[in-house]
PDB file of N, CA and C in Angstrom:
ATOM      1  N   MET A   1       0.815  -1.139  -0.073  1.00  0.00           N
ATOM      2  CA  MET A   1       0.039   0.081   0.034  1.00  0.00           C
ATOM      3  C   MET A   1       0.823   1.194  -0.046  1.00  0.00           C
ATOM      4  N   ALA A   2       1.952   1.340   0.850  1.00  0.00           N
ATOM      5  CA  ALA A   2       2.820   2.465   0.985  1.00  0.00           C
ATOM      6  C   ALA A   2       3.487   2.669  -0.380  1.00  0.00           C
ATOM      7  N   GLU A   3       3.918   1.615  -1.073  1.00  0.00           N
ATOM      8  CA  GLU A   3       4.539   1.640  -2.333  1.00  0.00           C
ATOM      9  C   GLU A   3       3.643   2.245  -3.327  1.00  0.00           C
ATOM     10  N   ARG A   4       2.567   1.606  -3.477  1.00  0.00           N
ATOM     11  CA  ARG A   4       1.434   1.847  -4.418  1.00  0.00           C
ATOM     12  C   ARG A   4       1.036   3.392  -4.394  1.00  0.00           C
ATOM     13  N   ASN A   5       1.006   3.974  -3.197  1.00  0.00           N
ATOM     14  CA  ASN A   5       0.642   5.382  -2.856  1.00  0.00           C
ATOM     15  C   ASN A   5       1.800   6.234  -2.799  1.00  0.00           C
ATOM     16  N   HIS A   6       3.019   5.697  -3.069  1.00  0.00           N
ATOM     17  CA  HIS A   6       4.179   6.573  -3.168  1.00  0.00           C
ATOM     18  C   HIS A   6       4.418   7.217  -1.757  1.00  0.00           C
ATOM     19  N   LEU A   7       4.207   6.589  -0.651  1.00  0.00           N
ATOM     20  CA  LEU A   7       4.410   7.109   0.688  1.00  0.00           C
ATOM     21  C   LEU A   7       5.856   6.809   1.066  1.00  0.00           C
ATOM     22  N   GLN A   8       6.501   7.892   1.692  1.00  0.00           N
ATOM     23  CA  GLN A   8       7.857   7.683   2.123  1.00  0.00           C
ATOM     24  C   GLN A   8       7.819   7.102   3.560  1.00  0.00           C
ATOM     25  N   GLN A   9       6.790   7.458   4.340  1.00  0.00           N
ATOM     26  CA  GLN A   9       6.649   6.927   5.657  1.00  0.00           C
ATOM     27  C   GLN A   9       5.282   6.531   5.920  1.00  0.00           C
ATOM     28  N   ALA A  10       5.070   5.344   6.525  1.00  0.00           N
ATOM     29  CA  ALA A  10       3.724   4.927   6.801  1.00  0.00           C
ATOM     30  C   ALA A  10       3.639   4.143   8.077  1.00  0.00           C
ATOM     31  N   VAL A  11       2.644   4.061   8.679  1.00  0.00           N
ATOM     32  CA  VAL A  11       2.389   3.516   9.968  1.00  0.00           C
ATOM     33  C   VAL A  11       0.950   2.791  10.047  1.00  0.00           C
ATOM     34  N   TYR A  12       0.876   1.573  10.454  1.00  0.00           N
ATOM     35  CA  TYR A  12      -0.432   0.935  10.650  1.00  0.00           C
ATOM     36  C   TYR A  12      -0.803   0.916  12.085  1.00  0.00           C
ATOM     37  N   VAL A  13      -1.878   1.559  12.393  1.00  0.00           N
ATOM     38  CA  VAL A  13      -2.364   1.549  13.794  1.00  0.00           C
ATOM     39  C   VAL A  13      -3.506   0.455  13.945  1.00  0.00           C
ATOM     40  N   GLY A  14      -3.171  -0.541  14.699  1.00  0.00           N
ATOM     41  CA  GLY A  14      -4.252  -1.664  14.747  1.00  0.00           C
ATOM     42  C   GLY A  14      -4.399  -2.135  16.181  1.00  0.00           C
ATOM     43  N   ASP A  15      -5.374  -3.076  16.379  1.00  0.00           N
ATOM     44  CA  ASP A  15      -5.641  -3.502  17.774  1.00  0.00           C
ATOM     45  C   ASP A  15      -5.509  -5.056  17.913  1.00  0.00           C
ATOM     46  N   THR A  16      -5.157  -5.761  16.907  1.00  0.00           N
ATOM     47  CA  THR A  16      -5.152  -7.280  16.998  1.00  0.00           C
ATOM     48  C   THR A  16      -3.726  -7.854  16.411  1.00  0.00           C
ATOM     49  N   GLN A  17      -3.521  -8.961  16.659  1.00  0.00           N
ATOM     50  CA  GLN A  17      -2.357  -9.790  16.189  1.00  0.00           C
ATOM     51  C   GLN A  17      -2.417  -9.822  14.702  1.00  0.00           C
ATOM     52  N   GLY A  18      -3.678  -9.994  14.125  1.00  0.00           N
ATOM     53  CA  GLY A  18      -3.873 -10.009  12.702  1.00  0.00           C
ATOM     54  C   GLY A  18      -3.477  -8.637  11.992  1.00  0.00           C
ATOM     55  N   ASP A  19      -3.786  -7.553  12.724  1.00  0.00           N
ATOM     56  CA  ASP A  19      -3.420  -6.203  12.287  1.00  0.00           C
ATOM     57  C   ASP A  19      -1.833  -6.155  12.215  1.00  0.00           C
ATOM     58  N   TYR A  20      -1.231  -6.601  13.255  1.00  0.00           N
ATOM     59  CA  TYR A  20       0.210  -6.579  13.331  1.00  0.00           C
ATOM     60  C   TYR A  20       0.792  -7.461  12.245  1.00  0.00           C
ATOM     61  N   LEU A  21       0.274  -8.638  11.917  1.00  0.00           N
ATOM     62  CA  LEU A  21       0.765  -9.488  10.952  1.00  0.00           C
ATOM     63  C   LEU A  21       0.705  -8.873   9.570  1.00  0.00           C
ATOM     64  N   SER A  22      -0.514  -8.241   9.282  1.00  0.00           N
ATOM     65  CA  SER A  22      -0.740  -7.659   8.068  1.00  0.00           C
ATOM     66  C   SER A  22       0.282  -6.565   7.837  1.00  0.00           C
ATOM     67  N   ALA A  23       0.574  -5.651   8.846  1.00  0.00           N
ATOM     68  CA  ALA A  23       1.430  -4.682   8.708  1.00  0.00           C
ATOM     69  C   ALA A  23       2.820  -5.054   8.350  1.00  0.00           C
ATOM     70  N   THR A  24       3.197  -6.109   9.107  1.00  0.00           N
ATOM     71  CA  THR A  24       4.681  -6.710   8.929  1.00  0.00           C
ATOM     72  C   THR A  24       4.793  -7.366   7.496  1.00  0.00           C
ATOM     73  N   GLU A  25       3.809  -8.096   7.046  1.00  0.00           N
ATOM     74  CA  GLU A  25       3.731  -8.716   5.784  1.00  0.00           C
ATOM     75  C   GLU A  25       3.886  -7.637   4.729  1.00  0.00           C
ATOM     76  N   ALA A  26       3.220  -6.415   4.921  1.00  0.00           N
ATOM     77  CA  ALA A  26       3.215  -5.394   3.954  1.00  0.00           C
ATOM     78  C   ALA A  26       4.541  -4.449   4.015  1.00  0.00           C
ATOM     79  N   GLY A  27       5.223  -4.814   5.061  1.00  0.00           N
ATOM     80  CA  GLY A  27       6.552  -3.937   5.287  1.00  0.00           C
ATOM     81  C   GLY A  27       6.206  -2.560   5.857  1.00  0.00           C
ATOM     82  N   ILE A  28       5.044  -2.480   6.656  1.00  0.00           N
ATOM     83  CA  ILE A  28       4.664  -1.110   7.210  1.00  0.00           C
ATOM     84  C   ILE A  28       4.905  -1.207   8.690  1.00  0.00           C
ATOM     85  N   ASN A  29       5.304  -0.090   9.208  1.00  0.00           N
ATOM     86  CA  ASN A  29       5.467  -0.032  10.642  1.00  0.00           C
ATOM     87  C   ASN A  29       4.163  -0.031  11.364  1.00  0.00           C
ATOM     88  N   PHE A  30       4.214  -0.445  12.685  1.00  0.00           N
ATOM     89  CA  PHE A  30       2.872  -0.691  13.355  1.00  0.00           C
ATOM     90  C   PHE A  30       2.901  -0.077  14.749  1.00  0.00           C
ATOM     91  N   ILE A  31       1.820   0.471  15.093  1.00  0.00           N
ATOM     92  CA  ILE A  31       1.520   0.952  16.478  1.00  0.00           C
ATOM     93  C   ILE A  31       0.256   0.103  16.926  1.00  0.00           C
ATOM     94  N   HIS A  32       0.413  -0.473  18.155  1.00  0.00           N
ATOM     95  CA  HIS A  32      -0.735  -1.204  18.719  1.00  0.00           C
ATOM     96  C   HIS A  32      -1.720  -0.292  19.483  1.00  0.00           C
ATOM     97  N   ALA A  33      -2.886  -0.256  19.039  1.00  0.00           N
ATOM     98  CA  ALA A  33      -3.986   0.474  19.754  1.00  0.00           C
ATOM     99  C   ALA A  33      -4.481  -0.481  21.066  1.00  0.00           C
ATOM    100  N   ARG A  34      -4.071  -0.133  22.106  1.00  0.00           N
ATOM    101  CA  ARG A  34      -4.472  -0.964  23.172  1.00  0.00           C
ATOM    102  C   ARG A  34      -5.779  -0.449  23.845  1.00  0.00           C
ATOM    103  N   THR A  35      -6.721  -0.751  23.100  1.00  0.00           N
ATOM    104  CA  THR A  35      -8.128  -0.161  23.571  1.00  0.00           C
ATOM    105  C   THR A  35      -9.022  -1.297  24.123  1.00  0.00           C
ATOM    106  N   GLY A  36      -8.492  -2.470  24.421  1.00  0.00           N
ATOM    107  CA  GLY A  36      -9.164  -3.417  25.063  1.00  0.00           C
ATOM    108  C   GLY A  36      -9.818  -4.548  24.162  1.00  0.00           C
ATOM    109  N   TYR A  37      -9.571  -4.481  22.880  1.00  0.00           N
ATOM    110  CA  TYR A  37     -10.123  -5.256  21.837  1.00  0.00           C
ATOM    111  C   TYR A  37      -9.250  -6.495  21.537  1.00  0.00           C
ATOM    112  N   GLY A  38      -7.960  -6.235  21.510  1.00  0.00           N
ATOM    113  CA  GLY A  38      -7.057  -7.418  21.111  1.00  0.00           C
ATOM    114  C   GLY A  38      -5.829  -7.287  21.778  1.00  0.00           C
ATOM    115  N   VAL A  39      -4.981  -8.225  21.522  1.00  0.00           N
ATOM    116  CA  VAL A  39      -3.550  -8.305  21.962  1.00  0.00           C
ATOM    117  C   VAL A  39      -2.687  -8.471  20.789  1.00  0.00           C
ATOM    118  N   VAL A  40      -1.348  -7.949  20.956  1.00  0.00           N
ATOM    119  CA  VAL A  40      -0.277  -8.247  20.096  1.00  0.00           C
ATOM    120  C   VAL A  40       0.825  -8.931  20.859  1.00  0.00           C
ATOM    121  N   GLU A  41       1.221 -10.102  20.464  1.00  0.00           N
ATOM    122  CA  GLU A  41       2.214 -10.819  21.248  1.00  0.00           C
ATOM    123  C   GLU A  41       3.727 -10.198  21.278  1.00  0.00           C
ATOM    124  N   GLU A  42       3.967  -9.627  20.181  1.00  0.00           N
ATOM    125  CA  GLU A  42       5.236  -8.965  20.075  1.00  0.00           C
ATOM    126  C   GLU A  42       5.433  -7.690  20.865  1.00  0.00           C
ATOM    127  N   GLU A  43       6.615  -7.305  21.251  1.00  0.00           N
ATOM    128  CA  GLU A  43       6.882  -5.959  21.860  1.00  0.00           C
ATOM    129  C   GLU A  43       6.908  -4.843  20.873  1.00  0.00           C
ATOM    130  N   VAL A  44       5.886  -4.073  20.862  1.00  0.00           N
ATOM    131  CA  VAL A  44       5.724  -3.031  19.953  1.00  0.00           C
ATOM    132  C   VAL A  44       5.332  -1.742  20.634  1.00  0.00           C
ATOM    133  N   LYS A  45       5.479  -0.618  19.975  1.00  0.00           N
ATOM    134  CA  LYS A  45       5.021   0.732  20.596  1.00  0.00           C
ATOM    135  C   LYS A  45       3.483   0.652  20.629  1.00  0.00           C
ATOM    136  N   PHE A  46       2.837   1.307  21.687  1.00  0.00           N
ATOM    137  CA  PHE A  46       1.402   1.321  21.644  1.00  0.00           C
ATOM    138  C   PHE A  46       0.910   2.605  22.148  1.00  0.00           C
ATOM    139  N   ILE A  47      -0.453   2.654  21.993  1.00  0.00           N
ATOM    140  CA  ILE A  47      -1.170   3.924  22.622  1.00  0.00           C
ATOM    141  C   ILE A  47      -2.393   3.231  23.381  1.00  0.00           C
ATOM    142  N   THR A  48      -2.832   3.826  24.378  1.00  0.00           N
ATOM    143  CA  THR A  48      -4.018   3.403  25.128  1.00  0.00           C
ATOM    144  C   THR A  48      -5.305   4.184  24.845  1.00  0.00           C
ATOM    145  N   LYS A  49      -5.072   5.429  24.180  1.00  0.00           N
ATOM    146  CA  LYS A  49      -6.250   6.141  23.743  1.00  0.00           C
ATOM    147  C   LYS A  49      -5.917   6.935  22.616  1.00  0.00           C
ATOM    148  N   LEU A  50      -6.771   7.222  21.767  1.00  0.00           N
ATOM    149  CA  LEU A  50      -6.724   8.019  20.459  1.00  0.00           C
ATOM    150  C   LEU A  50      -5.898   9.299  20.592  1.00  0.00           C
ATOM    151  N   GLN A  51      -6.135   9.959  21.675  1.00  0.00           N
ATOM    152  CA  GLN A  51      -5.551  11.287  21.881  1.00  0.00           C
ATOM    153  C   GLN A  51      -3.943  11.205  21.983  1.00  0.00           C
ATOM    154  N   GLU A  52      -3.401   9.905  22.284  1.00  0.00           N
ATOM    155  CA  GLU A  52      -1.987   9.763  22.262  1.00  0.00           C
ATOM    156  C   GLU A  52      -1.340   9.611  20.942  1.00  0.00           C
ATOM    157  N   LEU A  53      -2.165   9.401  19.881  1.00  0.00           N
ATOM    158  CA  LEU A  53      -1.554   9.033  18.690  1.00  0.00           C
ATOM    159  C   LEU A  53      -0.749  10.209  17.964  1.00  0.00           C
ATOM    160  N   PRO A  54      -1.155  11.511  18.042  1.00  0.00           N
ATOM    161  CA  PRO A  54      -0.226  12.535  17.381  1.00  0.00           C
ATOM    162  C   PRO A  54       1.098  12.478  18.105  1.00  0.00           C
ATOM    163  N   GLY A  55       1.259  12.502  19.336  1.00  0.00           N
ATOM    164  CA  GLY A  55       2.507  12.485  20.073  1.00  0.00           C
ATOM    165  C   GLY A  55       3.295  11.254  19.733  1.00  0.00           C
ATOM    166  N   MET A  56       2.562  10.063  19.621  1.00  0.00           N
ATOM    167  CA  MET A  56       3.300   8.884  19.347  1.00  0.00           C
ATOM    168  C   MET A  56       3.802   8.932  17.927  1.00  0.00           C
ATOM    169  N   LEU A  57       3.127   9.315  17.034  1.00  0.00           N
ATOM    170  CA  LEU A  57       3.649   9.456  15.671  1.00  0.00           C
ATOM    171  C   LEU A  57       4.875  10.367  15.572  1.00  0.00           C
ATOM    172  N   LYS A  58       4.957  11.430  16.344  1.00  0.00           N
ATOM    173  CA  LYS A  58       6.042  12.303  16.269  1.00  0.00           C
ATOM    174  C   LYS A  58       7.295  11.594  16.775  1.00  0.00           C
ATOM    175  N   THR A  59       7.163  10.906  17.879  1.00  0.00           N
ATOM    176  CA  THR A  59       8.352  10.125  18.517  1.00  0.00           C
ATOM    177  C   THR A  59       8.702   8.872  17.713  1.00  0.00           C
ATOM    178  N   PHE A  60       7.614   8.290  17.106  1.00  0.00           N
ATOM    179  CA  PHE A  60       7.661   7.121  16.356  1.00  0.00           C
ATOM    180  C   PHE A  60       8.729   7.403  15.143  1.00  0.00           C
ATOM    181  N   PHE A  61       8.466   8.370  14.339  1.00  0.00           N
ATOM    182  CA  PHE A  61       9.366   8.678  13.309  1.00  0.00           C
ATOM    183  C   PHE A  61      10.561   9.264  13.635  1.00  0.00           C
ATOM    184  N   ALA A  62      10.578  10.054  14.799  1.00  0.00           N
ATOM    185  CA  ALA A  62      11.826  10.685  15.318  1.00  0.00           C
ATOM    186  C   ALA A  62      12.776   9.658  15.788  1.00  0.00           C
ATOM    187  N   ASP A  63      12.347   8.534  16.194  1.00  0.00           N
ATOM    188  CA  ASP A  63      13.077   7.466  16.844  1.00  0.00           C
ATOM    189  C   ASP A  63      13.823   6.486  15.769  1.00  0.00           C
ATOM    190  N   GLY A  64      13.874   6.889  14.505  1.00  0.00           N
ATOM    191  CA  GLY A  64      14.536   6.121  13.447  1.00  0.00           C
ATOM    192  C   GLY A  64      13.442   5.418  12.757  1.00  0.00           C
ATOM    193  N   PHE A  65      12.292   6.015  12.464  1.00  0.00           N
ATOM    194  CA  PHE A  65      11.317   5.440  11.564  1.00  0.00           C
ATOM    195  C   PHE A  65      10.794   4.057  12.075  1.00  0.00           C
ATOM    196  N   GLY A  66      10.287   4.141  13.270  1.00  0.00           N
ATOM    197  CA  GLY A  66       9.590   2.850  13.682  1.00  0.00           C
ATOM    198  C   GLY A  66      10.434   1.802  14.400  1.00  0.00           C
ATOM    199  N   GLN A  67      11.557   2.094  14.754  1.00  0.00           N
ATOM    200  CA  GLN A  67      12.398   1.203  15.540  1.00  0.00           C
ATOM    201  C   GLN A  67      11.838   1.112  16.809  1.00  0.00           C
ATOM    202  N   ILE A  68      11.902  -0.059  17.408  1.00  0.00           N
ATOM    203  CA  ILE A  68      11.409  -0.452  18.756  1.00  0.00           C
ATOM    204  C   ILE A  68      12.385   0.275  19.846  1.00  0.00           C
ATOM    205  N   ALA A  69      11.799   0.952  20.664  1.00  0.00           N
ATOM    206  CA  ALA A  69      12.589   1.674  21.776  1.00  0.00           C
ATOM    207  C   ALA A  69      13.098   0.588  22.668  1.00  0.00           C
ATOM    208  N   PRO A  70      14.275   0.935  23.246  1.00  0.00           N
ATOM    209  CA  PRO A  70      14.973  -0.112  24.172  1.00  0.00           C
ATOM    210  C   PRO A  70      14.042  -0.395  25.344  1.00  0.00           C
ATOM    211  N   LYS A  71      14.004  -1.651  25.872  1.00  0.00           N
ATOM    212  CA  LYS A  71      13.134  -2.161  26.941  1.00  0.00           C
ATOM    213  C   LYS A  71      13.205  -1.081  28.036  1.00  0.00           C
ATOM    214  N   GLY A  72      12.153  -0.709  28.607  1.00  0.00           N
ATOM    215  CA  GLY A  72      12.006   0.122  29.647  1.00  0.00           C
ATOM    216  C   GLY A  72      11.729   1.580  29.184  1.00  0.00           C
ATOM    217  N   GLU A  73      11.851   1.860  27.909  1.00  0.00           N
ATOM    218  CA  GLU A  73      11.608   3.226  27.375  1.00  0.00           C
ATOM    219  C   GLU A  73      10.347   3.296  26.582  1.00  0.00           C
ATOM    220  N   MET A  74       9.686   2.270  26.309  1.00  0.00           N
ATOM    221  CA  MET A  74       8.398   2.088  25.801  1.00  0.00           C
ATOM    222  C   MET A  74       7.285   2.598  26.632  1.00  0.00           C
ATOM    223  N   LYS A  75       6.254   3.181  26.075  1.00  0.00           N
ATOM    224  CA  LYS A  75       5.155   3.545  26.829  1.00  0.00           C
ATOM    225  C   LYS A  75       4.481   2.409  27.651  1.00  0.00           C
ATOM    226  N   GLY A  76       4.137   2.558  28.764  1.00  0.00           N
ATOM    227  CA  GLY A  76       3.506   1.485  29.471  1.00  0.00           C
ATOM    228  C   GLY A  76       4.374   0.704  30.281  1.00  0.00           C
ATOM    229  N   GLU A  77       5.776   0.958  30.233  1.00  0.00           N
ATOM    230  CA  GLU A  77       6.744   0.120  30.990  1.00  0.00           C
ATOM    231  C   GLU A  77       7.140   0.829  32.266  1.00  0.00           C
TER     232      GLU A  77
END
């Protein structure tokens, strides 16, 4: 999708393991929306409410385009 739409940066915000797998299969970065609907088994960046998304996107792309933060530096730890 990112390639087809000529996007230089993309992120998939989802709430299930299936969303995570779809994003990784497509080569798109992922943020888990921990809203109580689903779980993601892998350690990924996450938000717990929609209002956190703008700030997360700023840090997400500033951290090296979606790299996982070192343990203890992720939101919620």
